Protein backbone atom coordinates (compact mmCIF):
# COMPACT_ATOMS: atom_id res chain seq x y z
CA MET A 1 57.23 64.57 132.24
CA ASN A 2 60.73 66.39 133.26
CA TYR A 3 61.18 67.33 136.45
CA TYR A 4 60.84 71.38 135.35
CA ARG A 5 57.96 70.36 133.65
CA ARG A 6 56.15 68.68 136.65
CA ARG A 7 57.16 71.35 139.04
CA GLN A 8 55.55 74.08 136.68
CA LEU A 9 52.27 71.98 136.18
CA LEU A 10 52.21 71.80 140.27
CA HIS A 11 52.84 75.76 140.65
CA THR A 12 49.82 76.23 138.26
CA LEU A 13 47.55 73.72 139.90
CA PHE A 14 48.57 75.06 143.47
CA PHE A 15 49.28 78.72 142.96
CA PRO A 16 45.93 80.05 143.78
CA LEU A 17 45.87 77.93 146.95
CA LEU A 18 49.06 79.01 148.04
CA LYS A 19 48.45 82.93 147.34
CA TRP A 20 45.55 82.56 149.13
CA TYR A 21 46.92 80.81 152.34
CA PHE A 22 50.22 83.02 152.10
CA SER A 23 48.04 86.08 151.90
CA HIS A 24 44.97 85.48 154.35
CA ALA A 25 44.51 82.26 156.53
CA ARG A 26 48.79 82.00 157.55
CA ALA A 27 48.84 85.82 157.87
CA SER A 28 45.81 85.32 160.71
CA GLN A 29 47.70 82.51 162.19
CA ARG A 30 51.01 84.70 162.51
CA GLU A 31 52.53 84.75 166.05
CA PRO A 32 54.49 87.88 166.54
CA SER A 33 58.23 87.14 167.01
CA PRO A 34 59.54 87.15 170.52
CA GLN A 35 59.25 90.51 169.47
CA VAL A 36 62.05 91.90 167.39
CA ASN A 37 60.79 95.30 166.44
CA PRO A 38 61.70 96.09 163.12
CA LEU A 39 63.09 99.09 163.78
CA ASP A 40 65.52 97.40 165.41
CA THR A 41 67.19 95.63 162.60
CA PRO A 42 69.01 98.14 160.49
CA ILE A 43 69.70 97.53 156.69
CA ASP A 44 71.28 99.28 153.76
CA VAL A 45 69.28 99.75 150.66
CA VAL A 46 71.00 98.88 147.23
CA ILE A 47 69.29 100.17 144.11
CA PRO A 48 71.42 99.49 141.07
CA VAL A 49 70.30 102.39 138.37
CA ALA A 50 69.94 102.08 134.35
CA THR A 51 69.76 105.35 132.48
CA LYS A 52 66.35 104.29 131.25
CA ASP A 53 65.53 104.75 134.97
CA VAL A 54 66.61 108.13 136.34
CA GLU A 55 63.31 109.34 135.96
CA MET A 56 61.66 106.93 138.33
CA LEU A 57 64.37 107.80 141.21
CA PRO A 58 62.26 110.29 143.05
CA LEU A 59 59.21 107.97 143.40
CA VAL A 60 61.34 104.95 144.30
CA LEU A 61 63.26 106.65 147.08
CA GLN A 62 59.66 108.04 148.37
CA GLY A 63 58.13 104.91 148.51
CA VAL A 64 61.41 103.48 150.33
CA ARG A 65 61.34 106.21 152.95
CA ARG A 66 57.70 105.95 153.73
CA PHE A 67 57.01 102.28 153.41
CA VAL A 68 60.53 100.33 154.64
CA LYS A 69 59.56 99.89 158.11
CA HIS A 70 62.92 99.31 159.34
CA LYS A 71 66.28 101.98 160.27
CA ILE A 72 67.57 102.27 156.95
CA ASP A 73 71.16 103.36 157.78
CA HIS A 74 72.18 103.97 153.89
CA ILE A 75 71.09 103.93 150.40
CA TYR A 76 73.53 103.18 147.70
CA LEU A 77 72.48 104.33 143.85
CA ALA A 78 74.72 101.89 141.81
CA SER A 79 75.31 102.94 137.98
CA SER A 80 78.17 103.51 135.58
CA PRO A 81 79.36 107.44 135.83
CA ASN A 82 76.69 109.81 135.27
CA GLN A 83 76.62 113.00 136.64
CA GLN A 84 72.92 113.28 136.69
CA ILE A 85 72.48 110.40 139.14
CA ALA A 86 75.21 111.50 141.51
CA ARG A 87 74.21 114.86 141.59
CA PHE A 88 70.35 113.24 142.32
CA ALA A 89 72.05 110.86 144.95
CA HIS A 90 74.03 113.57 146.75
CA GLU A 91 70.77 116.29 146.97
CA HIS A 92 69.18 112.83 148.26
CA GLY A 93 70.97 111.83 150.85
CA CYS A 94 72.06 108.61 149.20
CA THR A 95 75.49 107.33 148.26
CA PHE A 96 76.62 107.38 144.48
CA VAL A 97 78.51 103.90 143.76
CA ASN A 98 80.16 103.74 140.36
CA GLU A 99 79.37 100.51 139.03
CA ASP A 100 82.19 99.08 137.97
CA ASP A 101 83.49 99.38 141.67
CA LEU A 102 80.86 97.56 142.61
CA SER A 103 80.25 94.56 139.80
CA PRO A 104 82.72 91.77 140.61
CA LEU A 105 83.74 91.75 136.83
CA PRO A 106 84.06 94.34 134.06
CA LYS A 107 81.01 94.90 132.12
CA ALA A 108 83.19 94.80 128.58
CA ASP A 109 83.52 90.79 130.27
CA ILE A 110 80.04 90.28 129.53
CA ASP A 111 79.14 88.50 126.15
CA TYR A 112 75.72 88.17 126.32
CA ILE A 113 73.83 88.62 123.17
CA CYS A 114 70.70 87.11 122.36
CA ASN A 115 68.83 87.71 118.92
CA GLY A 116 70.69 90.89 118.30
CA ILE A 117 69.60 92.39 121.86
CA ASP A 118 72.56 92.62 123.98
CA ARG A 119 71.83 91.91 127.56
CA SER A 120 74.80 92.27 129.63
CA GLY A 121 73.64 95.51 131.41
CA TRP A 122 70.65 93.19 132.66
CA LEU A 123 73.10 90.52 134.00
CA LEU A 124 75.43 93.26 135.39
CA GLN A 125 72.54 94.44 137.44
CA GLN A 126 72.07 91.03 138.85
CA LEU A 127 75.79 90.59 139.74
CA ILE A 128 75.81 94.29 141.51
CA LYS A 129 73.24 93.08 143.75
CA LEU A 130 75.06 90.15 144.54
CA ASN A 131 77.85 91.93 145.44
CA ALA A 132 76.76 94.62 147.26
CA ASP A 133 78.11 93.29 150.61
CA SER A 134 81.25 94.63 149.56
CA VAL A 135 80.17 98.07 150.19
CA CYS A 136 77.15 97.43 152.69
CA GLU A 137 78.26 98.44 155.80
CA ASN A 138 74.80 96.18 158.11
CA ASP A 139 74.62 92.36 158.23
CA MET A 140 71.48 92.93 155.68
CA TYR A 141 70.78 95.06 152.86
CA LEU A 142 67.77 95.14 150.44
CA ALA A 143 67.98 95.18 146.69
CA LEU A 144 65.61 96.96 144.85
CA ASP A 145 64.63 97.19 141.31
CA ALA A 146 64.51 101.05 140.09
CA ASP A 147 61.61 100.87 138.48
CA THR A 148 59.48 99.18 141.43
CA VAL A 149 57.69 102.01 143.81
CA LEU A 150 56.87 100.48 147.54
CA ILE A 151 53.08 102.07 148.39
CA GLN A 152 52.64 99.45 151.59
CA GLU A 153 54.24 99.25 154.60
CA HIS A 154 57.33 96.34 153.79
CA ILE A 155 58.72 94.52 156.82
CA PHE A 156 61.72 92.23 155.49
CA PHE A 157 62.84 90.77 159.09
CA HIS A 158 61.45 89.66 162.51
CA GLY A 159 63.54 87.44 163.22
CA LYS A 160 62.94 85.62 160.38
CA THR A 161 63.83 86.87 156.96
CA ILE A 162 60.51 87.62 155.02
CA PHE A 163 60.22 86.39 151.30
CA ARG A 164 58.17 87.57 148.94
CA PHE A 165 56.65 85.19 145.91
CA ASP A 166 54.73 86.01 142.90
CA LYS A 167 52.93 83.96 140.10
CA LYS A 168 55.57 83.99 137.80
CA TYR A 169 57.66 80.91 136.71
CA TYR A 170 60.27 81.02 134.03
CA LYS A 171 62.01 77.41 133.71
CA PRO A 172 65.13 78.93 132.35
CA PHE A 173 66.32 80.42 135.67
CA PHE A 174 65.37 77.01 137.60
CA ARG A 175 67.84 75.18 135.15
CA THR A 176 70.56 77.73 135.99
CA HIS A 177 70.30 77.62 139.60
CA GLU A 178 70.80 73.50 138.98
CA LEU A 179 73.52 74.21 136.97
CA LEU A 180 74.86 76.51 139.49
CA PHE A 181 74.52 74.32 142.73
CA ASN A 182 74.65 70.35 140.75
CA SER A 183 70.66 70.37 142.82
CA LYS A 184 67.45 70.93 141.79
CA PRO A 185 65.48 73.91 143.50
CA THR A 186 62.62 72.29 145.15
CA SER A 187 60.47 75.71 145.47
CA ILE A 188 57.06 75.45 143.38
CA VAL A 189 56.52 79.25 143.35
CA SER A 190 59.05 82.27 141.99
CA TYR A 191 60.50 84.73 144.31
CA VAL A 192 61.37 87.25 141.12
CA CYS A 193 59.14 90.26 143.00
CA HIS A 194 61.54 92.96 142.18
CA LEU A 195 63.09 93.32 145.58
CA MET A 196 64.87 91.16 148.17
CA LEU A 197 66.64 91.05 151.36
CA PHE A 198 69.87 89.60 151.76
CA ASN A 199 72.31 88.26 154.50
CA VAL A 200 75.30 88.82 154.20
CA ASP A 201 76.26 85.84 156.04
CA VAL A 202 74.44 83.53 153.79
CA LEU A 203 75.06 85.49 150.52
CA LYS A 204 78.51 84.44 151.39
CA LYS A 205 77.49 80.77 151.32
CA PHE A 206 75.92 81.45 148.40
CA LYS A 207 78.62 82.34 146.43
CA ASP A 208 81.62 80.21 148.03
CA THR A 209 79.19 77.49 147.68
CA ILE A 210 79.03 78.30 143.69
CA SER A 211 82.89 78.92 143.78
CA GLN A 212 83.59 75.48 145.48
CA LEU A 213 81.57 73.33 142.94
CA HIS A 214 82.87 75.23 140.04
CA GLN A 215 86.46 75.87 140.95
CA CYS A 216 86.13 79.57 139.68
CA ASN A 217 84.93 82.93 140.98
CA TRP A 218 81.20 82.58 142.01
CA SER A 219 80.37 85.53 138.94
CA THR A 220 82.68 83.33 136.10
CA ALA A 221 80.56 80.83 136.98
CA ILE A 222 77.36 82.59 136.13
CA LEU A 223 79.19 83.92 133.07
CA ALA A 224 80.00 80.26 132.22
CA ALA A 225 76.33 79.62 132.76
CA ILE A 226 75.07 81.91 129.57
CA ASP A 227 72.67 80.70 127.47
CA THR A 228 72.30 82.84 124.80
CA ASN A 229 69.15 81.47 123.11
CA GLU A 230 67.27 82.70 126.49
CA LYS A 231 66.58 86.46 126.83
CA SER A 232 66.70 86.01 130.58
CA TYR A 233 68.25 82.93 131.86
CA PHE A 234 69.13 83.93 135.07
CA SER A 235 68.17 85.44 138.35
CA GLU A 236 69.54 86.62 141.35
CA TYR A 237 66.74 86.37 143.46
CA GLU A 238 65.59 82.71 142.59
CA SER A 239 68.84 81.09 142.91
CA TYR A 240 68.99 83.21 146.34
CA ALA A 241 65.93 82.76 147.79
CA ASN A 242 66.09 78.97 146.93
CA PHE A 243 69.50 78.47 148.56
CA PHE A 244 68.02 79.89 151.20
CA SER A 245 65.24 77.45 151.46
CA GLN A 246 67.45 74.75 150.70
CA HIS A 247 69.73 75.24 153.87
CA TYR A 248 67.79 77.97 155.80
CA LYS A 249 63.94 76.96 155.65
CA LYS A 250 63.34 77.25 159.23
CA ASP A 251 64.78 81.31 159.04
CA MET A 252 62.61 82.29 156.73
CA GLU A 253 59.03 82.85 155.88
CA LEU A 254 56.94 83.60 153.01
CA ARG A 255 54.25 85.89 152.13
CA TYR A 256 52.49 86.66 148.50
CA SER A 257 54.20 89.87 146.87
CA HIS A 258 50.98 91.81 145.50
CA ASN A 259 52.88 93.72 143.12
CA LEU A 260 51.22 95.00 139.97
CA ALA A 261 52.93 95.83 136.87
CA ILE A 262 51.57 99.09 135.16
CA PRO A 263 52.59 101.36 132.36
CA ARG A 264 55.23 103.82 133.06
CA ASN A 265 54.00 107.08 133.80
CA ASN A 266 56.30 108.75 136.08
CA SER A 267 54.43 111.93 136.63
CA LEU A 268 52.33 110.12 138.95
CA GLY A 269 52.84 110.90 142.79
CA LEU A 270 53.11 108.56 145.66
CA ASP A 271 49.74 109.59 147.23
CA HIS A 272 48.07 108.84 143.65
CA LEU A 273 49.60 105.13 143.69
CA ILE A 274 48.82 104.86 147.22
CA GLY A 275 45.04 106.20 146.58
CA LYS A 276 44.47 104.06 143.51
CA TYR A 277 46.10 100.97 143.63
CA SER A 278 46.82 99.90 147.24
CA ALA A 279 43.32 98.25 147.90
CA VAL A 280 44.90 95.20 145.19
CA ALA A 281 48.78 95.81 145.43
CA GLN A 282 51.45 96.59 148.22
CA SER A 283 54.38 97.61 145.49
CA ILE A 284 53.77 98.76 142.06
CA SER A 285 56.47 97.80 139.17
CA MET A 286 56.52 100.24 136.27
CA HIS A 287 58.66 98.67 133.74
CA GLU A 288 59.99 100.67 130.95
CA TYR A 289 58.60 98.56 128.11
CA ARG A 290 55.43 98.96 129.05
CA ARG A 291 55.69 102.85 128.75
């Protein structure tokens, strides 16, 4: 049995226990850190926006402003040139960023087609999230997918960085991580939860490590790892969290994500989502393909 098959088997066997432990037993044992007030930790928020997700922005922003328990200095909306999104950003106190200015390379340089489907935009959004330190002014920033709505309070740092995990386990993400870092990821959980707090200093080491190992820009190395047989081959969340775990484990804390995917219906209000789902979820994802 190969390494990734063993890890997936461990994930399947132990995930229910891990979910229970980090949702209940571990939560009850948490001691307040020597009090780090979340409000004392300013962050920026970065939301890459594809045209298909514009309709979700009002709901997503409401959730961020209501439930992120940190001081938010800036909210950046990154997309291709789009007057509708730029106007929305201006009207809602956000900063519009042209994705061409934020991406480490032009979208035209991304040649990623799987089974006739162009996946270059999907990959571009991940590169944008990893390169957002080029515009963010704080030491930490929250990257959030544009189809995910927070419906309960979220803290991402309180002396340790909080990483949320979920039940997904997608082997290509871990194989690509090994290709990029020349080391196998050790986690048996998945960190793909549609949001993540990035520490700018750790992120720099993450990208520098890739560049040094491959003797090229980090984004070029990620492109070189493209597997056109896989619709999804790389996860910025998975690789960054595994890198953090391998090098800064004492500075991380795990929590179960309690994310729930539901069919898209942007006509639902935030209070409706809270009332209907907050007993079982902390965030809601309404992916466009689930419409």
